PDB file of N, CA and C in Angstrom:
ATOM      1  N   UNK A   1      87.781 117.260  61.480  1.00  0.00           N
ATOM      2  CA  UNK A   1      87.334 116.958  60.075  1.00  0.00           C
ATOM      3  C   UNK A   1      87.885 117.739  59.216  1.00  0.00           C
ATOM      4  N   UNK A   2      88.567 117.124  58.164  1.00  0.00           N
ATOM      5  CA  UNK A   2      89.731 117.218  57.170  1.00  0.00           C
ATOM      6  C   UNK A   2      88.238 117.752  56.148  1.00  0.00           C
ATOM      7  N   UNK A   3      89.069 118.822  54.770  1.00  0.00           N
ATOM      8  CA  UNK A   3      87.854 118.955  54.230  1.00  0.00           C
ATOM      9  C   UNK A   3      87.441 117.962  53.302  1.00  0.00           C
ATOM     10  N   UNK A   4      88.188 116.939  52.959  1.00  0.00           N
ATOM     11  CA  UNK A   4      88.099 115.643  52.424  1.00  0.00           C
ATOM     12  C   UNK A   4      87.275 114.919  52.978  1.00  0.00           C
ATOM     13  N   UNK A   5      87.673 114.620  54.371  1.00  0.00           N
ATOM     14  CA  UNK A   5      86.338 114.395  55.184  1.00  0.00           C
ATOM     15  C   UNK A   5      84.804 114.795  54.873  1.00  0.00           C
ATOM     16  N   UNK A   6      84.870 115.924  55.233  1.00  0.00           N
ATOM     17  CA  UNK A   6      83.593 116.774  54.401  1.00  0.00           C
ATOM     18  C   UNK A   6      83.438 116.606  53.404  1.00  0.00           C
ATOM     19  N   UNK A   7      84.193 116.348  52.472  1.00  0.00           N
ATOM     20  CA  UNK A   7      83.318 116.177  51.065  1.00  0.00           C
ATOM     21  C   UNK A   7      82.970 114.847  50.682  1.00  0.00           C
ATOM     22  N   UNK A   8      83.762 114.067  51.435  1.00  0.00           N
ATOM     23  CA  UNK A   8      83.278 112.598  51.638  1.00  0.00           C
ATOM     24  C   UNK A   8      81.838 111.996  52.113  1.00  0.00           C
ATOM     25  N   UNK A   9      81.755 113.026  53.395  1.00  0.00           N
ATOM     26  CA  UNK A   9      80.574 113.285  53.608  1.00  0.00           C
ATOM     27  C   UNK A   9      78.971 114.025  53.212  1.00  0.00           C
ATOM     28  N   UNK A  10      79.421 114.594  52.498  1.00  0.00           N
ATOM     29  CA  UNK A  10      78.640 115.330  52.159  1.00  0.00           C
ATOM     30  C   UNK A  10      77.922 114.484  50.773  1.00  0.00           C
ATOM     31  N   UNK A  11      79.066 113.945  50.059  1.00  0.00           N
ATOM     32  CA  UNK A  11      78.660 113.266  49.083  1.00  0.00           C
ATOM     33  C   UNK A  11      77.936 112.144  48.886  1.00  0.00           C
ATOM     34  N   UNK A  12      78.224 111.353  50.378  1.00  0.00           N
ATOM     35  CA  UNK A  12      77.601 110.319  50.560  1.00  0.00           C
ATOM     36  C   UNK A  12      76.516 110.621  51.189  1.00  0.00           C
ATOM     37  N   UNK A  13      75.858 111.507  51.448  1.00  0.00           N
ATOM     38  CA  UNK A  13      74.491 112.487  51.426  1.00  0.00           C
ATOM     39  C   UNK A  13      73.561 111.910  50.174  1.00  0.00           C
ATOM     40  N   UNK A  14      74.558 112.768  49.996  1.00  0.00           N
ATOM     41  CA  UNK A  14      73.579 113.315  48.212  1.00  0.00           C
ATOM     42  C   UNK A  14      73.508 112.140  47.605  1.00  0.00           C
ATOM     43  N   UNK A  15      74.362 111.105  47.782  1.00  0.00           N
ATOM     44  CA  UNK A  15      73.848 109.804  46.378  1.00  0.00           C
ATOM     45  C   UNK A  15      73.176 108.925  47.329  1.00  0.00           C
ATOM     46  N   UNK A  16      73.229 108.981  48.635  1.00  0.00           N
ATOM     47  CA  UNK A  16      71.893 107.835  49.539  1.00  0.00           C
ATOM     48  C   UNK A  16      70.597 108.370  49.342  1.00  0.00           C
ATOM     49  N   UNK A  17      70.687 110.343  49.091  1.00  0.00           N
ATOM     50  CA  UNK A  17      68.782 110.802  48.858  1.00  0.00           C
ATOM     51  C   UNK A  17      68.661 110.226  47.163  1.00  0.00           C
ATOM     52  N   UNK A  18      69.842 110.542  46.255  1.00  0.00           N
ATOM     53  CA  UNK A  18      69.112 109.758  44.916  1.00  0.00           C
ATOM     54  C   UNK A  18      69.171 108.824  44.699  1.00  0.00           C
ATOM     55  N   UNK A  19      67.633 107.819  44.656  1.00  0.00           N
ATOM     56  CA  UNK A  19      67.974 106.865  43.919  1.00  0.00           C
ATOM     57  C   UNK A  19      67.326 106.673  42.477  1.00  0.00           C
ATOM     58  N   UNK A  20      68.297 106.018  41.871  1.00  0.00           N
ATOM     59  CA  UNK A  20      68.244 105.718  40.676  1.00  0.00           C
ATOM     60  C   UNK A  20      67.825 107.087  39.440  1.00  0.00           C
ATOM     61  N   UNK A  21      67.213 107.144  38.677  1.00  0.00           N
ATOM     62  CA  UNK A  21      67.318 107.870  37.346  1.00  0.00           C
ATOM     63  C   UNK A  21      66.501 108.812  37.267  1.00  0.00           C
ATOM     64  N   UNK A  22      65.396 108.131  37.655  1.00  0.00           N
ATOM     65  CA  UNK A  22      64.330 108.997  38.583  1.00  0.00           C
ATOM     66  C   UNK A  22      63.548 109.302  39.842  1.00  0.00           C
ATOM     67  N   UNK A  23      63.382 110.691  40.693  1.00  0.00           N
ATOM     68  CA  UNK A  23      62.868 110.517  41.521  1.00  0.00           C
ATOM     69  C   UNK A  23      61.505 110.327  41.642  1.00  0.00           C
ATOM     70  N   UNK A  24      60.738 110.245  43.144  1.00  0.00           N
ATOM     71  CA  UNK A  24      59.390 109.746  42.854  1.00  0.00           C
ATOM     72  C   UNK A  24      58.451 110.985  42.091  1.00  0.00           C
ATOM     73  N   UNK A  25      58.687 112.129  42.171  1.00  0.00           N
ATOM     74  CA  UNK A  25      58.096 112.918  40.961  1.00  0.00           C
ATOM     75  C   UNK A  25      58.310 112.875  39.567  1.00  0.00           C
ATOM     76  N   UNK A  26      59.390 112.427  39.405  1.00  0.00           N
ATOM     77  CA  UNK A  26      59.551 111.702  37.769  1.00  0.00           C
ATOM     78  C   UNK A  26      58.716 110.350  37.808  1.00  0.00           C
ATOM     79  N   UNK A  27      58.742 109.623  38.689  1.00  0.00           N
ATOM     80  CA  UNK A  27      57.817 108.022  37.986  1.00  0.00           C
ATOM     81  C   UNK A  27      56.526 108.784  38.502  1.00  0.00           C
ATOM     82  N   UNK A  28      56.004 109.476  39.583  1.00  0.00           N
ATOM     83  CA  UNK A  28      54.913 109.690  39.177  1.00  0.00           C
ATOM     84  C   UNK A  28      54.353 110.181  37.896  1.00  0.00           C
ATOM     85  N   UNK A  29      54.842 111.451  37.377  1.00  0.00           N
ATOM     86  CA  UNK A  29      54.998 112.283  35.468  1.00  0.00           C
ATOM     87  C   UNK A  29      54.994 111.063  34.802  1.00  0.00           C
ATOM     88  N   UNK A  30      56.216 110.139  34.846  1.00  0.00           N
ATOM     89  CA  UNK A  30      56.300 109.172  33.830  1.00  0.00           C
ATOM     90  C   UNK A  30      54.901 108.055  33.459  1.00  0.00           C
ATOM     91  N   UNK A  31      54.363 108.302  34.587  1.00  0.00           N
ATOM     92  CA  UNK A  31      53.411 107.330  34.836  1.00  0.00           C
ATOM     93  C   UNK A  31      52.161 107.768  34.085  1.00  0.00           C
ATOM     94  N   UNK A  32      51.854 108.695  34.770  1.00  0.00           N
ATOM     95  CA  UNK A  32      50.368 109.984  34.259  1.00  0.00           C
ATOM     96  C   UNK A  32      51.164 109.883  32.702  1.00  0.00           C
ATOM     97  N   UNK A  33      52.010 110.408  32.237  1.00  0.00           N
ATOM     98  CA  UNK A  33      51.775 110.676  30.683  1.00  0.00           C
ATOM     99  C   UNK A  33      51.789 109.432  30.043  1.00  0.00           C
ATOM    100  N   UNK A  34      52.157 108.271  30.276  1.00  0.00           N
ATOM    101  CA  UNK A  34      52.032 107.164  29.937  1.00  0.00           C
ATOM    102  C   UNK A  34      50.927 106.985  29.956  1.00  0.00           C
ATOM    103  N   UNK A  35      49.699 106.449  30.594  1.00  0.00           N
ATOM    104  CA  UNK A  35      48.279 106.771  30.949  1.00  0.00           C
ATOM    105  C   UNK A  35      47.617 107.368  30.177  1.00  0.00           C
ATOM    106  N   UNK A  36      48.269 108.779  30.149  1.00  0.00           N
ATOM    107  CA  UNK A  36      46.906 109.792  29.182  1.00  0.00           C
ATOM    108  C   UNK A  36      47.346 109.386  27.516  1.00  0.00           C
ATOM    109  N   UNK A  37      48.658 108.509  27.187  1.00  0.00           N
ATOM    110  CA  UNK A  37      49.064 108.429  25.776  1.00  0.00           C
ATOM    111  C   UNK A  37      48.152 107.348  25.586  1.00  0.00           C
ATOM    112  N   UNK A  38      47.988 106.265  26.547  1.00  0.00           N
ATOM    113  CA  UNK A  38      47.536 104.846  26.042  1.00  0.00           C
ATOM    114  C   UNK A  38      45.940 105.314  26.182  1.00  0.00           C
ATOM    115  N   UNK A  39      45.352 106.276  26.683  1.00  0.00           N
ATOM    116  CA  UNK A  39      44.078 106.879  26.508  1.00  0.00           C
ATOM    117  C   UNK A  39      44.146 107.049  25.400  1.00  0.00           C
ATOM    118  N   UNK A  40      44.489 107.898  24.856  1.00  0.00           N
ATOM    119  CA  UNK A  40      44.550 108.861  23.734  1.00  0.00           C
ATOM    120  C   UNK A  40      44.956 107.750  23.051  1.00  0.00           C
ATOM    121  N   UNK A  41      45.587 107.170  22.482  1.00  0.00           N
ATOM    122  CA  UNK A  41      45.162 105.852  21.362  1.00  0.00           C
ATOM    123  C   UNK A  41      44.655 104.822  21.850  1.00  0.00           C
ATOM    124  N   UNK A  42      43.878 104.446  22.495  1.00  0.00           N
ATOM    125  CA  UNK A  42      42.362 103.807  22.936  1.00  0.00           C
ATOM    126  C   UNK A  42      41.457 104.123  22.201  1.00  0.00           C
ATOM    127  N   UNK A  43      41.436 105.660  22.807  1.00  0.00           N
ATOM    128  CA  UNK A  43      39.872 106.127  22.451  1.00  0.00           C
ATOM    129  C   UNK A  43      39.727 106.662  21.187  1.00  0.00           C
ATOM    130  N   UNK A  44      40.615 107.022  20.619  1.00  0.00           N
ATOM    131  CA  UNK A  44      41.367 107.675  18.972  1.00  0.00           C
ATOM    132  C   UNK A  44      40.546 106.210  17.931  1.00  0.00           C
ATOM    133  N   UNK A  45      40.791 105.357  18.649  1.00  0.00           N
ATOM    134  CA  UNK A  45      40.396 104.274  17.911  1.00  0.00           C
ATOM    135  C   UNK A  45      38.935 103.985  16.945  1.00  0.00           C
ATOM    136  N   UNK A  46      38.561 103.980  15.868  1.00  0.00           N
ATOM    137  CA  UNK A  46      37.298 103.682  15.820  1.00  0.00           C
ATOM    138  C   UNK A  46      36.235 102.736  16.044  1.00  0.00           C
ATOM    139  N   UNK A  47      36.461 101.694  16.378  1.00  0.00           N
ATOM    140  CA  UNK A  47      35.814 100.918  17.273  1.00  0.00           C
ATOM    141  C   UNK A  47      35.582 101.236  18.551  1.00  0.00           C
ATOM    142  N   UNK A  48      36.450 101.558  19.508  1.00  0.00           N
ATOM    143  CA  UNK A  48      36.235 101.987  21.021  1.00  0.00           C
ATOM    144  C   UNK A  48      35.380 103.354  20.842  1.00  0.00           C
ATOM    145  N   UNK A  49      35.292 103.900  19.584  1.00  0.00           N
ATOM    146  CA  UNK A  49      34.298 105.189  20.128  1.00  0.00           C
ATOM    147  C   UNK A  49      32.939 104.774  19.354  1.00  0.00           C
ATOM    148  N   UNK A  50      32.793 104.189  18.363  1.00  0.00           N
ATOM    149  CA  UNK A  50      31.370 103.060  18.017  1.00  0.00           C
ATOM    150  C   UNK A  50      30.985 102.756  19.278  1.00  0.00           C
ATOM    151  N   UNK A  51      31.825 101.710  20.070  1.00  0.00           N
ATOM    152  CA  UNK A  51      31.180 101.109  21.248  1.00  0.00           C
ATOM    153  C   UNK A  51      30.737 101.701  22.697  1.00  0.00           C
ATOM    154  N   UNK A  52      31.791 103.126  22.782  1.00  0.00           N
ATOM    155  CA  UNK A  52      31.114 103.999  23.451  1.00  0.00           C
ATOM    156  C   UNK A  52      30.386 105.044  23.252  1.00  0.00           C
ATOM    157  N   UNK A  53      30.079 105.011  22.179  1.00  0.00           N
ATOM    158  CA  UNK A  53      29.075 106.008  21.946  1.00  0.00           C
ATOM    159  C   UNK A  53      27.207 104.747  21.687  1.00  0.00           C
ATOM    160  N   UNK A  54      27.829 103.585  21.830  1.00  0.00           N
ATOM    161  CA  UNK A  54      26.661 102.816  21.848  1.00  0.00           C
ATOM    162  C   UNK A  54      25.936 102.480  23.746  1.00  0.00           C
ATOM    163  N   UNK A  55      27.666 102.464  24.566  1.00  0.00           N
ATOM    164  CA  UNK A  55      27.216 102.238  25.730  1.00  0.00           C
ATOM    165  C   UNK A  55      26.616 103.368  26.658  1.00  0.00           C
ATOM    166  N   UNK A  56      27.077 105.071  25.836  1.00  0.00           N
ATOM    167  CA  UNK A  56      26.420 106.197  26.398  1.00  0.00           C
ATOM    168  C   UNK A  56      24.871 106.242  25.907  1.00  0.00           C
ATOM    169  N   UNK A  57      24.456 105.917  24.909  1.00  0.00           N
ATOM    170  CA  UNK A  57      22.968 105.890  24.561  1.00  0.00           C
ATOM    171  C   UNK A  57      22.134 104.678  25.088  1.00  0.00           C
ATOM    172  N   UNK A  58      22.860 103.708  25.883  1.00  0.00           N
ATOM    173  CA  UNK A  58      21.998 102.641  26.291  1.00  0.00           C
ATOM    174  C   UNK A  58      22.116 103.254  28.364  1.00  0.00           C
ATOM    175  N   UNK A  59      22.809 104.290  28.250  1.00  0.00           N
ATOM    176  CA  UNK A  59      22.639 104.682  30.047  1.00  0.00           C
ATOM    177  C   UNK A  59      21.683 106.189  30.176  1.00  0.00           C
ATOM    178  N   UNK A  60      21.660 106.291  29.093  1.00  0.00           N
ATOM    179  CA  UNK A  60      21.323 107.817  28.495  1.00  0.00           C
ATOM    180  C   UNK A  60      19.681 107.464  28.502  1.00  0.00           C
ATOM    181  N   UNK A  61      19.732 106.342  27.462  1.00  0.00           N
ATOM    182  CA  UNK A  61      18.300 106.122  27.546  1.00  0.00           C
ATOM    183  C   UNK A  61      18.453 105.892  26.195  1.00  0.00           C
TER     184      UNK A  61
END
């Protein structure tokens, strides 16, 4: 096998392994960070905090 054939074989293996811009761990991390951001924005709204306080007071008695 020539050097060029080895380079082509190695490059095709690497390109097959990478699927898109982000790997699996990157997509999971992006999803987790987006979820945390949405929860943070949602829970810092005054109306939501008041509703949660009312619900917790009903549960706790």
